[in-house]
Amino acid sequence: MELISPWTPEYTGSGVVYRPLLRAYVICADAQISFRDFLVDSGADISMAPRQLATELGLNWTAGEKKTLTGISKRKECRVNARVLQVQLFIRELKQELAIPMCFANADVPCLLAREGFFDVFQVLFDKRTRRTVIRSF
């Protein structure tokens, strides 16, 4: 199965940036569902979302494995506390459900789909020339 997804334009102060976004449904154990547009990020190790999403899904944030996110800066004031929890995602267009680790950050962070878990199930091709992402099930 294959999904061809056009990149989404985002208007910034310096012009338009096109981003490879994918809508995914996040499913909690008690069947709560929330959909989000995730940035598909081949450079990120682990998928990420704000702590608020974990709360919306009724997940116990404190039960997750503790992490400290440093991003591109190693400065102490830039560190963000986070927890890693397993979540179920459903990609409607691909008719695929999968379990992935997701790092819920105690900050206002973007929703990312990263290599761990997601790229294990899908082949992802970024085509900057046509501003499309091609996602195929293995």
C-alpha atoms as a PDB file:
ATOM      1  CA  MET A   1       0.000   0.000   0.000  1.00  0.00           C
ATOM      2  CA  GLU A   2       1.230   3.505  -0.810  1.00  0.00           C
ATOM      3  CA  LEU A   3       0.358   7.046   0.213  1.00  0.00           C
ATOM      4  CA  ILE A   4       1.485  10.100  -1.729  1.00  0.00           C
ATOM      5  CA  SER A   5       1.140  13.156   0.477  1.00  0.00           C
ATOM      6  CA  PRO A   6       1.708  16.723  -0.768  1.00  0.00           C
ATOM      7  CA  TRP A   7       3.720  18.949   1.527  1.00  0.00           C
ATOM      8  CA  THR A   8       1.799  21.555   3.507  1.00  0.00           C
ATOM      9  CA  PRO A   9       2.697  25.227   3.058  1.00  0.00           C
ATOM     10  CA  GLU A  10       3.384  27.176   6.232  1.00  0.00           C
ATOM     11  CA  TYR A  11       3.515  30.938   5.977  1.00  0.00           C
ATOM     12  CA  THR A  12       6.300  32.513   8.015  1.00  0.00           C
ATOM     13  CA  GLY A  13       7.610  36.041   8.388  1.00  0.00           C
ATOM     14  CA  SER A  14      10.255  35.290   5.765  1.00  0.00           C
ATOM     15  CA  GLY A  15       8.072  33.489   3.223  1.00  0.00           C
ATOM     16  CA  VAL A  16       6.554  30.068   2.671  1.00  0.00           C
ATOM     17  CA  VAL A  17       8.035  26.829   4.005  1.00  0.00           C
ATOM     18  CA  TYR A  18       6.691  23.493   2.755  1.00  0.00           C
ATOM     19  CA  ARG A  19       6.566  20.676   5.335  1.00  0.00           C
ATOM     20  CA  PRO A  20       6.030  16.920   4.982  1.00  0.00           C
ATOM     21  CA  LEU A  21       3.041  16.478   7.305  1.00  0.00           C
ATOM     22  CA  LEU A  22       1.054  13.302   7.843  1.00  0.00           C
ATOM     23  CA  ARG A  23      -2.262  13.018   9.670  1.00  0.00           C
ATOM     24  CA  ALA A  24      -2.223  10.188  12.192  1.00  0.00           C
ATOM     25  CA  TYR A  25      -4.754   9.053  14.751  1.00  0.00           C
ATOM     26  CA  VAL A  26      -3.307   8.410  18.205  1.00  0.00           C
ATOM     27  CA  ILE A  27      -5.183   5.698  20.096  1.00  0.00           C
ATOM     28  CA  CYS A  28      -5.070   5.219  23.865  1.00  0.00           C
ATOM     29  CA  ALA A  29      -5.710   1.949  25.709  1.00  0.00           C
ATOM     30  CA  ASP A  30      -9.198   3.101  26.742  1.00  0.00           C
ATOM     31  CA  ALA A  31     -10.045   3.789  23.055  1.00  0.00           C
ATOM     32  CA  GLN A  32      -9.693   7.573  23.229  1.00  0.00           C
ATOM     33  CA  ILE A  33      -8.590   8.865  19.839  1.00  0.00           C
ATOM     34  CA  SER A  34      -7.015  12.157  18.873  1.00  0.00           C
ATOM     35  CA  PHE A  35      -5.792  13.053  15.414  1.00  0.00           C
ATOM     36  CA  ARG A  36      -2.761  15.206  14.801  1.00  0.00           C
ATOM     37  CA  ASP A  37      -0.725  16.371  11.852  1.00  0.00           C
ATOM     38  CA  PHE A  38       2.788  15.045  12.431  1.00  0.00           C
ATOM     39  CA  LEU A  39       5.918  16.313  10.752  1.00  0.00           C
ATOM     40  CA  VAL A  40       7.625  13.274   9.215  1.00  0.00           C
ATOM     41  CA  ASP A  41      11.245  13.720  10.347  1.00  0.00           C
ATOM     42  CA  SER A  42      13.939  11.305   9.180  1.00  0.00           C
ATOM     43  CA  GLY A  43      16.516  13.153  11.296  1.00  0.00           C
ATOM     44  CA  ALA A  44      14.724  12.583  14.593  1.00  0.00           C
ATOM     45  CA  ASP A  45      15.478   9.451  16.608  1.00  0.00           C
ATOM     46  CA  ILE A  46      12.141   9.152  18.433  1.00  0.00           C
ATOM     47  CA  SER A  47       8.659  10.486  17.741  1.00  0.00           C
ATOM     48  CA  MET A  48       7.581  13.423  19.857  1.00  0.00           C
ATOM     49  CA  ALA A  49       4.477  15.271  21.006  1.00  0.00           C
ATOM     50  CA  PRO A  50       3.631  17.769  23.727  1.00  0.00           C
ATOM     51  CA  ARG A  51       2.685  16.500  27.175  1.00  0.00           C
ATOM     52  CA  GLN A  52      -0.783  17.963  26.589  1.00  0.00           C
ATOM     53  CA  LEU A  53      -1.495  15.167  24.078  1.00  0.00           C
ATOM     54  CA  ALA A  54      -0.590  12.516  26.668  1.00  0.00           C
ATOM     55  CA  THR A  55      -3.017  14.206  29.065  1.00  0.00           C
ATOM     56  CA  GLU A  56      -5.778  14.341  26.411  1.00  0.00           C
ATOM     57  CA  LEU A  57      -5.331  10.603  25.825  1.00  0.00           C
ATOM     58  CA  GLY A  58      -5.492   9.815  29.529  1.00  0.00           C
ATOM     59  CA  LEU A  59      -1.918   8.504  29.588  1.00  0.00           C
ATOM     60  CA  ASN A  60       0.022   8.531  32.843  1.00  0.00           C
ATOM     61  CA  TRP A  61       2.921  10.827  31.907  1.00  0.00           C
ATOM     62  CA  THR A  62       4.849  10.026  35.101  1.00  0.00           C
ATOM     63  CA  ALA A  63       4.785   6.292  34.293  1.00  0.00           C
ATOM     64  CA  GLY A  64       6.947   6.829  31.219  1.00  0.00           C
ATOM     65  CA  GLU A  65      10.710   6.473  31.000  1.00  0.00           C
ATOM     66  CA  LYS A  66      12.349   9.788  31.967  1.00  0.00           C
ATOM     67  CA  LYS A  67      14.243  11.719  29.286  1.00  0.00           C
ATOM     68  CA  THR A  68      15.863  15.126  29.110  1.00  0.00           C
ATOM     69  CA  LEU A  69      15.667  16.720  25.676  1.00  0.00           C
ATOM     70  CA  THR A  70      18.469  19.019  24.649  1.00  0.00           C
ATOM     71  CA  GLY A  71      17.719  19.550  20.947  1.00  0.00           C
ATOM     72  CA  ILE A  72      20.312  21.606  19.141  1.00  0.00           C
ATOM     73  CA  SER A  73      21.499  23.426  22.266  1.00  0.00           C
ATOM     74  CA  LYS A  74      23.319  21.805  25.177  1.00  0.00           C
ATOM     75  CA  ARG A  75      22.704  24.831  27.434  1.00  0.00           C
ATOM     76  CA  LYS A  76      21.072  23.971  30.750  1.00  0.00           C
ATOM     77  CA  GLU A  77      18.271  26.509  30.313  1.00  0.00           C
ATOM     78  CA  CYS A  78      17.254  24.833  27.022  1.00  0.00           C
ATOM     79  CA  ARG A  79      16.666  21.390  28.544  1.00  0.00           C
ATOM     80  CA  VAL A  80      13.130  19.991  28.521  1.00  0.00           C
ATOM     81  CA  ASN A  81      11.808  17.167  30.698  1.00  0.00           C
ATOM     82  CA  ALA A  82      10.035  14.401  28.806  1.00  0.00           C
ATOM     83  CA  ARG A  83       8.687  10.878  29.202  1.00  0.00           C
ATOM     84  CA  VAL A  84       8.585   8.036  26.696  1.00  0.00           C
ATOM     85  CA  LEU A  85       5.340   6.075  26.438  1.00  0.00           C
ATOM     86  CA  GLN A  86       4.117   3.525  23.911  1.00  0.00           C
ATOM     87  CA  VAL A  87       1.246   4.705  21.750  1.00  0.00           C
ATOM     88  CA  GLN A  88      -0.861   3.148  19.031  1.00  0.00           C
ATOM     89  CA  LEU A  89      -1.138   5.095  15.794  1.00  0.00           C
ATOM     90  CA  PHE A  90      -3.538   4.554  12.936  1.00  0.00           C
ATOM     91  CA  ILE A  91      -2.696   5.853   9.468  1.00  0.00           C
ATOM     92  CA  ARG A  92      -6.093   5.862   7.787  1.00  0.00           C
ATOM     93  CA  GLU A  93      -4.908   6.236   4.189  1.00  0.00           C
ATOM     94  CA  LEU A  94      -2.603   3.232   4.589  1.00  0.00           C
ATOM     95  CA  LYS A  95      -5.083   1.216   6.688  1.00  0.00           C
ATOM     96  CA  GLN A  96      -2.214   0.571   9.096  1.00  0.00           C
ATOM     97  CA  GLU A  97      -2.090   0.513  12.885  1.00  0.00           C
ATOM     98  CA  LEU A  98       1.284   0.441  14.631  1.00  0.00           C
ATOM     99  CA  ALA A  99       2.782   0.797  18.094  1.00  0.00           C
ATOM    100  CA  ILE A 100       5.621   3.268  18.495  1.00  0.00           C
ATOM    101  CA  PRO A 101       7.512   4.872  21.356  1.00  0.00           C
ATOM    102  CA  MET A 102       6.616   8.545  21.688  1.00  0.00           C
ATOM    103  CA  CYS A 103       8.475  11.114  23.711  1.00  0.00           C
ATOM    104  CA  PHE A 104       5.993  13.458  25.391  1.00  0.00           C
ATOM    105  CA  ALA A 105       7.786  16.709  26.211  1.00  0.00           C
ATOM    106  CA  ASN A 106       6.766  19.009  29.023  1.00  0.00           C
ATOM    107  CA  ALA A 107       6.861  21.949  26.595  1.00  0.00           C
ATOM    108  CA  ASP A 108       5.257  23.390  23.493  1.00  0.00           C
ATOM    109  CA  VAL A 109       6.866  21.113  20.905  1.00  0.00           C
ATOM    110  CA  PRO A 110       5.797  20.008  17.435  1.00  0.00           C
ATOM    111  CA  CYS A 111       4.362  16.566  16.773  1.00  0.00           C
ATOM    112  CA  LEU A 112       7.011  14.486  14.981  1.00  0.00           C
ATOM    113  CA  LEU A 113       7.045  11.002  13.482  1.00  0.00           C
ATOM    114  CA  ALA A 114      10.616   9.757  13.668  1.00  0.00           C
ATOM    115  CA  ARG A 115      12.730   6.749  12.716  1.00  0.00           C
ATOM    116  CA  GLU A 116      12.140   4.538  15.784  1.00  0.00           C
ATOM    117  CA  GLY A 117       8.971   2.554  15.177  1.00  0.00           C
ATOM    118  CA  PHE A 118       7.602   4.514  12.208  1.00  0.00           C
ATOM    119  CA  PHE A 119      10.462   3.955   9.757  1.00  0.00           C
ATOM    120  CA  ASP A 120      10.554   0.282  10.833  1.00  0.00           C
ATOM    121  CA  VAL A 121       7.107  -0.200   9.271  1.00  0.00           C
ATOM    122  CA  PHE A 122       7.207   2.247   6.342  1.00  0.00           C
ATOM    123  CA  GLN A 123       9.560   3.172   3.556  1.00  0.00           C
ATOM    124  CA  VAL A 124       9.568   6.974   3.323  1.00  0.00           C
ATOM    125  CA  LEU A 125      10.686   8.972   0.300  1.00  0.00           C
ATOM    126  CA  PHE A 126      10.925  12.755   0.465  1.00  0.00           C
ATOM    127  CA  ASP A 127      10.712  14.365  -2.981  1.00  0.00           C
ATOM    128  CA  LYS A 128      11.611  18.019  -2.531  1.00  0.00           C
ATOM    129  CA  ARG A 129      11.348  18.748  -6.250  1.00  0.00           C
ATOM    130  CA  THR A 130       7.637  17.857  -6.320  1.00  0.00           C
ATOM    131  CA  ARG A 131       7.033  18.670  -2.615  1.00  0.00           C
ATOM    132  CA  ARG A 132       5.604  15.234  -1.892  1.00  0.00           C
ATOM    133  CA  THR A 133       6.245  12.437   0.556  1.00  0.00           C
ATOM    134  CA  VAL A 134       5.736   8.878  -0.604  1.00  0.00           C
ATOM    135  CA  ILE A 135       5.059   6.400   2.195  1.00  0.00           C
ATOM    136  CA  ARG A 136       4.921   2.672   1.466  1.00  0.00           C
ATOM    137  CA  SER A 137       4.181  -0.240   3.750  1.00  0.00           C
ATOM    138  CA  PHE A 138       6.903  -2.884   3.828  1.00  0.00           C
END
